Amino acid sequence: MGPLSLPISGCVYLDANAIIYSYELVEPYRTLLEPVWLGAGPHTYDIITSELTLLEVLVGPIKQGNSTLQAGFKRLLLRSTDVRSVSISQPVLERAAQLRATTGLKTPDAIHAAAALIEGCALFVTNDVAFRRVPGLTVTVLRDPSPPDLRPHRRRPPA
């Protein structure tokens, strides 16, 4: 894992796992993602995700009965100016259907990829290599093997 190469403008799409790592401070991903949050702004790039992310990030806290974490995710995704959520509109669903048919992505992943493509995102940040099958999507996978000097920092996030 090395530093992320961030665009100077446009938008960066964060998959649900990247939102979870950032908000729940899951290392080593939180540290990798910190520059994304610090660099975003009106004169650089926007951080976006799909409305589907709300569903995905709430599952764990609901299972755990953690209402504080649920409220935090809702605040970040519904009321914060840090992240813009893309609607799951008819064009997104139609593009997702095309992607699902041509790449074999699962439906939720196809929705995320379609939203990013429709929004013209310069970068898609995830921990799922399946997104690399999407033509036209510039994907950074957080868990990619790191240079040898960084290997001791590698570990999987808690399930």
C-alpha atoms as a PDB file:
ATOM      1  CA  MET A   1       0.000   0.000   0.000  1.00  0.00           C
ATOM      2  CA  GLY A   2       1.301   3.366  -0.934  1.00  0.00           C
ATOM      3  CA  PRO A   3      -0.209   6.824  -0.909  1.00  0.00           C
ATOM      4  CA  LEU A   4      -3.264   7.346  -3.069  1.00  0.00           C
ATOM      5  CA  SER A   5      -2.834   9.299  -6.262  1.00  0.00           C
ATOM      6  CA  LEU A   6      -5.579  11.918  -6.013  1.00  0.00           C
ATOM      7  CA  PRO A   7      -7.039  14.027  -8.809  1.00  0.00           C
ATOM      8  CA  ILE A   8      -6.682  17.792  -8.787  1.00  0.00           C
ATOM      9  CA  SER A   9     -10.341  18.248  -9.727  1.00  0.00           C
ATOM     10  CA  GLY A  10     -13.548  16.375 -10.418  1.00  0.00           C
ATOM     11  CA  CYS A  11     -14.792  13.793  -7.977  1.00  0.00           C
ATOM     12  CA  VAL A  12     -13.542  10.847  -5.981  1.00  0.00           C
ATOM     13  CA  TYR A  13     -16.028   8.036  -5.429  1.00  0.00           C
ATOM     14  CA  LEU A  14     -15.749   6.196  -2.130  1.00  0.00           C
ATOM     15  CA  ASP A  15     -17.187   2.698  -2.011  1.00  0.00           C
ATOM     16  CA  ALA A  16     -19.020   1.767   1.200  1.00  0.00           C
ATOM     17  CA  ASN A  17     -15.982  -0.035   2.603  1.00  0.00           C
ATOM     18  CA  ALA A  18     -13.879   3.127   2.290  1.00  0.00           C
ATOM     19  CA  ILE A  19     -16.556   5.113   4.149  1.00  0.00           C
ATOM     20  CA  ILE A  20     -16.608   2.485   6.914  1.00  0.00           C
ATOM     21  CA  TYR A  21     -12.795   2.420   7.234  1.00  0.00           C
ATOM     22  CA  SER A  22     -12.662   6.199   7.463  1.00  0.00           C
ATOM     23  CA  TYR A  23     -15.512   6.667   9.917  1.00  0.00           C
ATOM     24  CA  GLU A  24     -14.654   3.703  12.150  1.00  0.00           C
ATOM     25  CA  LEU A  25     -10.916   4.525  11.994  1.00  0.00           C
ATOM     26  CA  VAL A  26      -9.922   1.072  10.685  1.00  0.00           C
ATOM     27  CA  GLU A  27      -6.164   0.892  10.158  1.00  0.00           C
ATOM     28  CA  PRO A  28      -4.230   0.822   7.946  1.00  0.00           C
ATOM     29  CA  TYR A  29      -6.992   2.059   5.641  1.00  0.00           C
ATOM     30  CA  ARG A  30      -7.943   5.119   7.700  1.00  0.00           C
ATOM     31  CA  THR A  31      -4.413   6.451   7.295  1.00  0.00           C
ATOM     32  CA  LEU A  32      -4.452   5.744   3.555  1.00  0.00           C
ATOM     33  CA  LEU A  33      -7.792   7.506   3.166  1.00  0.00           C
ATOM     34  CA  GLU A  34      -6.990  10.555   5.300  1.00  0.00           C
ATOM     35  CA  PRO A  35      -5.517  12.531   2.364  1.00  0.00           C
ATOM     36  CA  VAL A  36      -8.759  11.989   0.426  1.00  0.00           C
ATOM     37  CA  TRP A  37     -10.748  13.756   3.155  1.00  0.00           C
ATOM     38  CA  LEU A  38      -8.153  16.484   3.720  1.00  0.00           C
ATOM     39  CA  GLY A  39      -7.761  17.285   0.012  1.00  0.00           C
ATOM     40  CA  ALA A  40     -11.439  17.533  -0.861  1.00  0.00           C
ATOM     41  CA  GLY A  41     -13.040  20.922  -1.218  1.00  0.00           C
ATOM     42  CA  PRO A  42     -14.605  23.502  -3.497  1.00  0.00           C
ATOM     43  CA  HIS A  43     -11.339  24.233  -5.331  1.00  0.00           C
ATOM     44  CA  THR A  44     -10.227  20.606  -5.732  1.00  0.00           C
ATOM     45  CA  TYR A  45     -12.402  17.501  -5.935  1.00  0.00           C
ATOM     46  CA  ASP A  46     -15.654  16.351  -4.368  1.00  0.00           C
ATOM     47  CA  ILE A  47     -16.173  13.118  -2.456  1.00  0.00           C
ATOM     48  CA  ILE A  48     -19.210  11.225  -3.625  1.00  0.00           C
ATOM     49  CA  THR A  49     -20.882   7.871  -3.058  1.00  0.00           C
ATOM     50  CA  SER A  50     -24.226   6.303  -3.890  1.00  0.00           C
ATOM     51  CA  GLU A  51     -27.344   6.393  -1.754  1.00  0.00           C
ATOM     52  CA  LEU A  52     -26.834   2.625  -1.567  1.00  0.00           C
ATOM     53  CA  THR A  53     -23.892   3.267   0.751  1.00  0.00           C
ATOM     54  CA  LEU A  54     -26.297   4.250   3.521  1.00  0.00           C
ATOM     55  CA  LEU A  55     -27.831   0.770   3.439  1.00  0.00           C
ATOM     56  CA  GLU A  56     -24.410  -0.900   3.379  1.00  0.00           C
ATOM     57  CA  VAL A  57     -22.848   1.068   6.239  1.00  0.00           C
ATOM     58  CA  LEU A  58     -25.868   0.686   8.531  1.00  0.00           C
ATOM     59  CA  VAL A  59     -26.009  -3.125   8.468  1.00  0.00           C
ATOM     60  CA  GLY A  60     -23.123  -3.679  10.908  1.00  0.00           C
ATOM     61  CA  PRO A  61     -24.242  -1.091  13.485  1.00  0.00           C
ATOM     62  CA  ILE A  62     -27.819  -2.408  13.329  1.00  0.00           C
ATOM     63  CA  LYS A  63     -26.601  -5.987  13.938  1.00  0.00           C
ATOM     64  CA  GLN A  64     -24.493  -4.717  16.866  1.00  0.00           C
ATOM     65  CA  GLY A  65     -27.317  -2.593  18.235  1.00  0.00           C
ATOM     66  CA  ASN A  66     -24.984   0.409  18.037  1.00  0.00           C
ATOM     67  CA  SER A  67     -27.305   3.397  17.650  1.00  0.00           C
ATOM     68  CA  THR A  68     -24.437   5.871  18.110  1.00  0.00           C
ATOM     69  CA  LEU A  69     -22.599   4.470  15.100  1.00  0.00           C
ATOM     70  CA  GLN A  70     -25.836   4.396  13.089  1.00  0.00           C
ATOM     71  CA  ALA A  71     -26.429   8.069  13.877  1.00  0.00           C
ATOM     72  CA  GLY A  72     -22.843   8.947  12.951  1.00  0.00           C
ATOM     73  CA  PHE A  73     -23.094   7.303   9.548  1.00  0.00           C
ATOM     74  CA  LYS A  74     -26.434   9.011   8.914  1.00  0.00           C
ATOM     75  CA  ARG A  75     -24.952  12.366   9.861  1.00  0.00           C
ATOM     76  CA  LEU A  76     -21.992  11.836   7.517  1.00  0.00           C
ATOM     77  CA  LEU A  77     -24.041  10.634   4.561  1.00  0.00           C
ATOM     78  CA  LEU A  78     -27.246  12.640   4.940  1.00  0.00           C
ATOM     79  CA  ARG A  79     -26.322  15.943   6.573  1.00  0.00           C
ATOM     80  CA  SER A  80     -22.611  16.483   6.036  1.00  0.00           C
ATOM     81  CA  THR A  81     -21.174  18.707   3.321  1.00  0.00           C
ATOM     82  CA  ASP A  82     -18.141  16.367   3.140  1.00  0.00           C
ATOM     83  CA  VAL A  83     -19.888  13.695   1.042  1.00  0.00           C
ATOM     84  CA  ARG A  84     -22.449  13.988  -1.730  1.00  0.00           C
ATOM     85  CA  SER A  85     -24.731  10.993  -2.272  1.00  0.00           C
ATOM     86  CA  VAL A  86     -25.725  10.162  -5.841  1.00  0.00           C
ATOM     87  CA  SER A  87     -29.367   9.178  -6.284  1.00  0.00           C
ATOM     88  CA  ILE A  88     -30.165   5.685  -7.456  1.00  0.00           C
ATOM     89  CA  SER A  89     -31.999   7.031 -10.479  1.00  0.00           C
ATOM     90  CA  GLN A  90     -33.306   5.271 -13.568  1.00  0.00           C
ATOM     91  CA  PRO A  91     -30.134   6.140 -15.576  1.00  0.00           C
ATOM     92  CA  VAL A  92     -27.967   4.700 -12.776  1.00  0.00           C
ATOM     93  CA  LEU A  93     -30.042   1.513 -12.687  1.00  0.00           C
ATOM     94  CA  GLU A  94     -29.937   1.109 -16.472  1.00  0.00           C
ATOM     95  CA  ARG A  95     -26.165   1.600 -16.542  1.00  0.00           C
ATOM     96  CA  ALA A  96     -25.837  -0.817 -13.611  1.00  0.00           C
ATOM     97  CA  ALA A  97     -27.817  -3.428 -15.560  1.00  0.00           C
ATOM     98  CA  GLN A  98     -25.430  -3.027 -18.506  1.00  0.00           C
ATOM     99  CA  LEU A  99     -22.415  -3.382 -16.206  1.00  0.00           C
ATOM    100  CA  ARG A 100     -23.885  -6.408 -14.461  1.00  0.00           C
ATOM    101  CA  ALA A 101     -24.534  -8.071 -17.826  1.00  0.00           C
ATOM    102  CA  THR A 102     -21.095  -7.308 -19.277  1.00  0.00           C
ATOM    103  CA  THR A 103     -18.777  -7.556 -16.268  1.00  0.00           C
ATOM    104  CA  GLY A 104     -20.529  -9.981 -13.923  1.00  0.00           C
ATOM    105  CA  LEU A 105     -20.512  -7.500 -11.043  1.00  0.00           C
ATOM    106  CA  LYS A 106     -22.986  -8.123  -8.253  1.00  0.00           C
ATOM    107  CA  THR A 107     -25.967  -5.766  -8.286  1.00  0.00           C
ATOM    108  CA  PRO A 108     -24.767  -3.472  -5.444  1.00  0.00           C
ATOM    109  CA  ASP A 109     -21.312  -3.163  -7.025  1.00  0.00           C
ATOM    110  CA  ALA A 110     -22.845  -2.462 -10.437  1.00  0.00           C
ATOM    111  CA  ILE A 111     -24.907   0.355  -8.880  1.00  0.00           C
ATOM    112  CA  HIS A 112     -21.787   1.895  -7.298  1.00  0.00           C
ATOM    113  CA  ALA A 113     -19.813   1.630 -10.555  1.00  0.00           C
ATOM    114  CA  ALA A 114     -22.682   3.063 -12.615  1.00  0.00           C
ATOM    115  CA  ALA A 115     -23.065   6.027 -10.261  1.00  0.00           C
ATOM    116  CA  ALA A 116     -19.341   6.760 -10.459  1.00  0.00           C
ATOM    117  CA  LEU A 117     -19.298   6.527 -14.247  1.00  0.00           C
ATOM    118  CA  ILE A 118     -22.372   8.716 -14.690  1.00  0.00           C
ATOM    119  CA  GLU A 119     -20.865  11.334 -12.373  1.00  0.00           C
ATOM    120  CA  GLY A 120     -17.580  11.200 -14.303  1.00  0.00           C
ATOM    121  CA  CYS A 121     -15.458  10.401 -11.264  1.00  0.00           C
ATOM    122  CA  ALA A 122     -11.721  10.713 -11.704  1.00  0.00           C
ATOM    123  CA  LEU A 123     -11.077   7.996  -9.121  1.00  0.00           C
ATOM    124  CA  PHE A 124     -13.007   5.111  -7.541  1.00  0.00           C
ATOM    125  CA  VAL A 125     -11.654   3.997  -4.143  1.00  0.00           C
ATOM    126  CA  THR A 126     -12.565   0.547  -2.867  1.00  0.00           C
ATOM    127  CA  ASN A 127     -11.171  -2.634  -1.395  1.00  0.00           C
ATOM    128  CA  ASP A 128     -12.818  -4.854  -4.010  1.00  0.00           C
ATOM    129  CA  VAL A 129     -10.756  -5.872  -7.054  1.00  0.00           C
ATOM    130  CA  ALA A 130     -13.931  -6.779  -8.997  1.00  0.00           C
ATOM    131  CA  PHE A 131     -14.325  -3.081  -9.906  1.00  0.00           C
ATOM    132  CA  ARG A 132     -11.232  -3.357 -12.094  1.00  0.00           C
ATOM    133  CA  ARG A 133     -13.421  -5.181 -14.634  1.00  0.00           C
ATOM    134  CA  VAL A 134     -15.342  -1.960 -15.330  1.00  0.00           C
ATOM    135  CA  PRO A 135     -14.145  -0.209 -18.492  1.00  0.00           C
ATOM    136  CA  GLY A 136     -13.604   3.514 -18.042  1.00  0.00           C
ATOM    137  CA  LEU A 137     -13.419   3.360 -14.234  1.00  0.00           C
ATOM    138  CA  THR A 138     -10.102   4.368 -12.664  1.00  0.00           C
ATOM    139  CA  VAL A 139      -9.942   2.146  -9.592  1.00  0.00           C
ATOM    140  CA  THR A 140      -7.687   2.193  -6.563  1.00  0.00           C
ATOM    141  CA  VAL A 141      -7.875  -0.939  -4.426  1.00  0.00           C
ATOM    142  CA  LEU A 142      -6.713  -0.153  -0.906  1.00  0.00           C
ATOM    143  CA  ARG A 143      -5.399  -3.619  -0.090  1.00  0.00           C
ATOM    144  CA  ASP A 144      -3.128  -3.876  -3.118  1.00  0.00           C
ATOM    145  CA  PRO A 145       0.242  -5.357  -2.197  1.00  0.00           C
ATOM    146  CA  SER A 146       2.572  -2.769  -0.828  1.00  0.00           C
ATOM    147  CA  PRO A 147       6.226  -2.109  -1.497  1.00  0.00           C
ATOM    148  CA  PRO A 148       8.439  -4.341   0.682  1.00  0.00           C
ATOM    149  CA  ASP A 149       9.243  -1.566   3.167  1.00  0.00           C
ATOM    150  CA  LEU A 150       5.516  -1.160   4.001  1.00  0.00           C
ATOM    151  CA  ARG A 151       4.582  -4.855   4.297  1.00  0.00           C
ATOM    152  CA  PRO A 152       4.613  -4.932   8.139  1.00  0.00           C
ATOM    153  CA  HIS A 153       1.689  -2.475   8.111  1.00  0.00           C
ATOM    154  CA  ARG A 154      -0.584  -4.801   6.150  1.00  0.00           C
ATOM    155  CA  ARG A 155      -3.480  -6.381   7.975  1.00  0.00           C
ATOM    156  CA  ARG A 156      -7.111  -7.053   7.226  1.00  0.00           C
ATOM    157  CA  PRO A 157      -9.838  -4.952   8.802  1.00  0.00           C
ATOM    158  CA  PRO A 158     -12.054  -6.662  11.357  1.00  0.00           C
ATOM    159  CA  ALA A 159     -15.020  -8.490   9.863  1.00  0.00           C
END
